[in-house]
């Protein structure tokens, strides 16, 4: 688990390597969009100006540990998930893609990196585009079943 000592003013530590401000900013952008928030809404939640939050996403400024902790809470993810890079193609789905805890006595299905990216991309779509994608997937499954 990452602690305050893992965060420096200009860089975030990731398991022995450095997660630079640009990479951190891209991760902040990704989680904000996955959760359908605007920069203005995040700024209001954090009690900062929208421009200050924009600077975090653009890698111009580094959020402090308290800010990172509040963002992780808002997105229902751990600090590790916020600060550790994306899974590779053979890695399993990050907990941030999962919907809440697994029901009592059940375990979660493990997904490949490609499957996790599909879910992340799906969640970034508008509702009409999600419906179109689901129709297309049903079409492909029907075609596959008929061959």
C-alpha atoms as a PDB file:
ATOM      1  CA  UNK A   1       0.000   0.000   0.000  1.00  0.00           C
ATOM      2  CA  UNK A   2       1.321   3.446  -0.869  1.00  0.00           C
ATOM      3  CA  UNK A   3       1.810   5.971   1.896  1.00  0.00           C
ATOM      4  CA  UNK A   4       2.524   9.685   2.112  1.00  0.00           C
ATOM      5  CA  UNK A   5       6.252   8.957   2.014  1.00  0.00           C
ATOM      6  CA  UNK A   6       5.801   7.568  -1.513  1.00  0.00           C
ATOM      7  CA  UNK A   7       4.633  10.941  -2.840  1.00  0.00           C
ATOM      8  CA  UNK A   8       7.082  13.744  -3.589  1.00  0.00           C
ATOM      9  CA  UNK A   9       6.133  17.241  -4.751  1.00  0.00           C
ATOM     10  CA  UNK A  10       7.176  16.652  -8.371  1.00  0.00           C
ATOM     11  CA  UNK A  11       6.776  12.893  -8.813  1.00  0.00           C
ATOM     12  CA  UNK A  12       4.750   9.927  -7.589  1.00  0.00           C
ATOM     13  CA  UNK A  13       6.437   6.631  -6.833  1.00  0.00           C
ATOM     14  CA  UNK A  14       5.175   3.485  -8.525  1.00  0.00           C
ATOM     15  CA  UNK A  15       6.627   0.268  -7.145  1.00  0.00           C
ATOM     16  CA  UNK A  16      10.251   1.375  -7.369  1.00  0.00           C
ATOM     17  CA  UNK A  17       9.892   3.463 -10.536  1.00  0.00           C
ATOM     18  CA  UNK A  18       8.698   7.011 -11.022  1.00  0.00           C
ATOM     19  CA  UNK A  19       5.170   7.834 -12.121  1.00  0.00           C
ATOM     20  CA  UNK A  20       5.784  11.238 -13.690  1.00  0.00           C
ATOM     21  CA  UNK A  21       3.299  14.104 -13.540  1.00  0.00           C
ATOM     22  CA  UNK A  22       2.200  13.594 -17.147  1.00  0.00           C
ATOM     23  CA  UNK A  23       1.374   9.922 -16.532  1.00  0.00           C
ATOM     24  CA  UNK A  24      -0.386  10.763 -13.275  1.00  0.00           C
ATOM     25  CA  UNK A  25      -2.341  13.471 -15.095  1.00  0.00           C
ATOM     26  CA  UNK A  26      -3.448  11.003 -17.757  1.00  0.00           C
ATOM     27  CA  UNK A  27      -4.594   8.587 -15.053  1.00  0.00           C
ATOM     28  CA  UNK A  28      -6.559  11.377 -13.337  1.00  0.00           C
ATOM     29  CA  UNK A  29      -8.165  12.228 -16.684  1.00  0.00           C
ATOM     30  CA  UNK A  30      -9.014   8.573 -17.337  1.00  0.00           C
ATOM     31  CA  UNK A  31     -10.698   8.047 -13.961  1.00  0.00           C
ATOM     32  CA  UNK A  32     -12.573  11.361 -14.202  1.00  0.00           C
ATOM     33  CA  UNK A  33     -13.966  10.449 -17.622  1.00  0.00           C
ATOM     34  CA  UNK A  34     -14.776   6.879 -16.572  1.00  0.00           C
ATOM     35  CA  UNK A  35     -16.892   8.323 -13.794  1.00  0.00           C
ATOM     36  CA  UNK A  36     -18.496  10.980 -16.022  1.00  0.00           C
ATOM     37  CA  UNK A  37     -17.302  14.008 -14.058  1.00  0.00           C
ATOM     38  CA  UNK A  38     -16.294  17.401 -15.410  1.00  0.00           C
ATOM     39  CA  UNK A  39     -13.193  19.241 -14.252  1.00  0.00           C
ATOM     40  CA  UNK A  40     -15.507  21.810 -12.689  1.00  0.00           C
ATOM     41  CA  UNK A  41     -17.307  19.116 -10.663  1.00  0.00           C
ATOM     42  CA  UNK A  42     -14.015  17.644  -9.458  1.00  0.00           C
ATOM     43  CA  UNK A  43     -12.737  21.109  -8.546  1.00  0.00           C
ATOM     44  CA  UNK A  44     -15.881  21.745  -6.523  1.00  0.00           C
ATOM     45  CA  UNK A  45     -15.570  18.349  -4.794  1.00  0.00           C
ATOM     46  CA  UNK A  46     -11.926  19.087  -3.899  1.00  0.00           C
ATOM     47  CA  UNK A  47     -12.699  22.733  -3.021  1.00  0.00           C
ATOM     48  CA  UNK A  48     -10.184  23.992  -5.598  1.00  0.00           C
ATOM     49  CA  UNK A  49     -10.489  25.968  -8.824  1.00  0.00           C
ATOM     50  CA  UNK A  50     -11.195  24.085 -12.052  1.00  0.00           C
ATOM     51  CA  UNK A  51      -7.919  25.441 -13.447  1.00  0.00           C
ATOM     52  CA  UNK A  52      -5.969  23.949 -10.540  1.00  0.00           C
ATOM     53  CA  UNK A  53      -7.476  20.545 -11.259  1.00  0.00           C
ATOM     54  CA  UNK A  54      -6.794  21.023 -14.975  1.00  0.00           C
ATOM     55  CA  UNK A  55      -3.145  21.599 -14.077  1.00  0.00           C
ATOM     56  CA  UNK A  56      -3.098  18.205 -12.323  1.00  0.00           C
ATOM     57  CA  UNK A  57      -4.459  16.473 -15.435  1.00  0.00           C
ATOM     58  CA  UNK A  58      -1.999  18.297 -17.704  1.00  0.00           C
ATOM     59  CA  UNK A  59       0.947  17.371 -15.456  1.00  0.00           C
ATOM     60  CA  UNK A  60       1.744  21.009 -14.655  1.00  0.00           C
ATOM     61  CA  UNK A  61       1.126  20.543 -10.920  1.00  0.00           C
ATOM     62  CA  UNK A  62       1.152  17.536  -8.602  1.00  0.00           C
ATOM     63  CA  UNK A  63      -1.784  16.963  -6.263  1.00  0.00           C
ATOM     64  CA  UNK A  64      -0.872  16.432  -2.607  1.00  0.00           C
ATOM     65  CA  UNK A  65      -1.533  13.169  -0.750  1.00  0.00           C
ATOM     66  CA  UNK A  66      -4.811  14.445   0.705  1.00  0.00           C
ATOM     67  CA  UNK A  67      -6.115  15.358  -2.754  1.00  0.00           C
ATOM     68  CA  UNK A  68      -5.083  11.993  -4.214  1.00  0.00           C
ATOM     69  CA  UNK A  69      -6.771  10.219  -1.306  1.00  0.00           C
ATOM     70  CA  UNK A  70     -10.027  12.134  -1.833  1.00  0.00           C
ATOM     71  CA  UNK A  71      -9.959  11.349  -5.568  1.00  0.00           C
ATOM     72  CA  UNK A  72      -9.399   7.649  -4.870  1.00  0.00           C
ATOM     73  CA  UNK A  73     -12.383   7.715  -2.488  1.00  0.00           C
ATOM     74  CA  UNK A  74     -14.552   9.497  -5.049  1.00  0.00           C
ATOM     75  CA  UNK A  75     -13.704   6.942  -7.735  1.00  0.00           C
ATOM     76  CA  UNK A  76     -14.008   3.990  -5.304  1.00  0.00           C
ATOM     77  CA  UNK A  77     -10.448   2.852  -6.010  1.00  0.00           C
ATOM     78  CA  UNK A  78      -7.328   2.385  -3.902  1.00  0.00           C
ATOM     79  CA  UNK A  79      -4.387   4.755  -3.970  1.00  0.00           C
ATOM     80  CA  UNK A  80      -2.420   1.927  -5.593  1.00  0.00           C
ATOM     81  CA  UNK A  81      -4.900   1.786  -8.475  1.00  0.00           C
ATOM     82  CA  UNK A  82      -4.691   5.540  -8.899  1.00  0.00           C
ATOM     83  CA  UNK A  83      -0.897   5.599  -8.950  1.00  0.00           C
ATOM     84  CA  UNK A  84       0.144   2.277 -10.506  1.00  0.00           C
ATOM     85  CA  UNK A  85       0.213   2.054 -14.329  1.00  0.00           C
ATOM     86  CA  UNK A  86      -2.285   0.268 -16.565  1.00  0.00           C
ATOM     87  CA  UNK A  87      -2.317  -3.533 -16.775  1.00  0.00           C
ATOM     88  CA  UNK A  88      -0.609  -5.174 -19.699  1.00  0.00           C
ATOM     89  CA  UNK A  89      -2.496  -7.362 -22.201  1.00  0.00           C
ATOM     90  CA  UNK A  90      -2.063 -10.455 -20.004  1.00  0.00           C
ATOM     91  CA  UNK A  91      -2.874  -8.794 -16.670  1.00  0.00           C
ATOM     92  CA  UNK A  92      -6.203  -9.042 -14.887  1.00  0.00           C
ATOM     93  CA  UNK A  93      -8.858  -6.363 -14.684  1.00  0.00           C
ATOM     94  CA  UNK A  94      -8.124  -3.548 -12.185  1.00  0.00           C
ATOM     95  CA  UNK A  95     -10.535  -3.265  -9.264  1.00  0.00           C
ATOM     96  CA  UNK A  96     -11.589   0.165 -10.559  1.00  0.00           C
ATOM     97  CA  UNK A  97     -13.434  -1.567 -13.406  1.00  0.00           C
ATOM     98  CA  UNK A  98     -15.276  -3.863 -11.010  1.00  0.00           C
ATOM     99  CA  UNK A  99     -18.713  -2.919  -9.703  1.00  0.00           C
ATOM    100  CA  UNK A 100     -18.529  -2.988  -5.907  1.00  0.00           C
ATOM    101  CA  UNK A 101     -17.551  -5.955  -3.767  1.00  0.00           C
ATOM    102  CA  UNK A 102     -18.206  -9.506  -4.899  1.00  0.00           C
ATOM    103  CA  UNK A 103     -21.337 -11.021  -3.340  1.00  0.00           C
ATOM    104  CA  UNK A 104     -20.750 -13.021  -0.160  1.00  0.00           C
ATOM    105  CA  UNK A 105     -19.304 -16.431  -0.908  1.00  0.00           C
ATOM    106  CA  UNK A 106     -18.570 -15.615  -4.548  1.00  0.00           C
ATOM    107  CA  UNK A 107     -15.374 -14.600  -6.295  1.00  0.00           C
ATOM    108  CA  UNK A 108     -14.934 -12.251  -9.217  1.00  0.00           C
ATOM    109  CA  UNK A 109     -14.334 -13.422 -12.751  1.00  0.00           C
ATOM    110  CA  UNK A 110     -10.782 -12.621 -13.822  1.00  0.00           C
ATOM    111  CA  UNK A 111     -10.524 -10.751 -17.130  1.00  0.00           C
ATOM    112  CA  UNK A 112      -7.573 -10.315 -19.455  1.00  0.00           C
ATOM    113  CA  UNK A 113      -6.123  -6.860 -20.108  1.00  0.00           C
ATOM    114  CA  UNK A 114      -7.996  -6.710 -23.439  1.00  0.00           C
ATOM    115  CA  UNK A 115     -11.270  -7.572 -21.743  1.00  0.00           C
ATOM    116  CA  UNK A 116     -10.647  -4.937 -19.063  1.00  0.00           C
ATOM    117  CA  UNK A 117      -9.920  -2.314 -21.739  1.00  0.00           C
ATOM    118  CA  UNK A 118     -13.176  -3.257 -23.482  1.00  0.00           C
ATOM    119  CA  UNK A 119     -15.100  -2.554 -20.273  1.00  0.00           C
ATOM    120  CA  UNK A 120     -13.241   0.714 -19.690  1.00  0.00           C
ATOM    121  CA  UNK A 121     -13.938   1.830 -23.263  1.00  0.00           C
ATOM    122  CA  UNK A 122     -17.592   0.766 -22.973  1.00  0.00           C
ATOM    123  CA  UNK A 123     -18.021   2.846 -19.819  1.00  0.00           C
ATOM    124  CA  UNK A 124     -16.618   5.908 -21.571  1.00  0.00           C
ATOM    125  CA  UNK A 125     -19.355   5.784 -24.256  1.00  0.00           C
ATOM    126  CA  UNK A 126     -22.674   7.615 -24.185  1.00  0.00           C
ATOM    127  CA  UNK A 127     -25.768   5.487 -23.559  1.00  0.00           C
ATOM    128  CA  UNK A 128     -26.867   5.467 -27.249  1.00  0.00           C
ATOM    129  CA  UNK A 129     -23.393   4.325 -28.325  1.00  0.00           C
ATOM    130  CA  UNK A 130     -23.410   1.631 -25.642  1.00  0.00           C
ATOM    131  CA  UNK A 131     -26.714   0.325 -27.059  1.00  0.00           C
ATOM    132  CA  UNK A 132     -25.261   0.311 -30.586  1.00  0.00           C
ATOM    133  CA  UNK A 133     -22.208  -1.599 -29.380  1.00  0.00           C
ATOM    134  CA  UNK A 134     -24.359  -4.184 -27.593  1.00  0.00           C
ATOM    135  CA  UNK A 135     -26.494  -4.688 -30.711  1.00  0.00           C
ATOM    136  CA  UNK A 136     -23.334  -5.172 -32.780  1.00  0.00           C
ATOM    137  CA  UNK A 137     -21.926  -7.681 -30.285  1.00  0.00           C
ATOM    138  CA  UNK A 138     -25.193  -9.660 -30.365  1.00  0.00           C
ATOM    139  CA  UNK A 139     -25.000  -9.624 -34.185  1.00  0.00           C
ATOM    140  CA  UNK A 140     -21.415 -10.907 -34.103  1.00  0.00           C
ATOM    141  CA  UNK A 141     -22.343 -13.656 -31.635  1.00  0.00           C
ATOM    142  CA  UNK A 142     -25.265 -14.736 -33.830  1.00  0.00           C
ATOM    143  CA  UNK A 143     -22.964 -14.814 -36.889  1.00  0.00           C
ATOM    144  CA  UNK A 144     -20.386 -16.810 -34.928  1.00  0.00           C
ATOM    145  CA  UNK A 145     -22.992 -19.285 -33.657  1.00  0.00           C
ATOM    146  CA  UNK A 146     -24.290 -19.822 -37.220  1.00  0.00           C
ATOM    147  CA  UNK A 147     -20.834 -20.643 -38.612  1.00  0.00           C
END
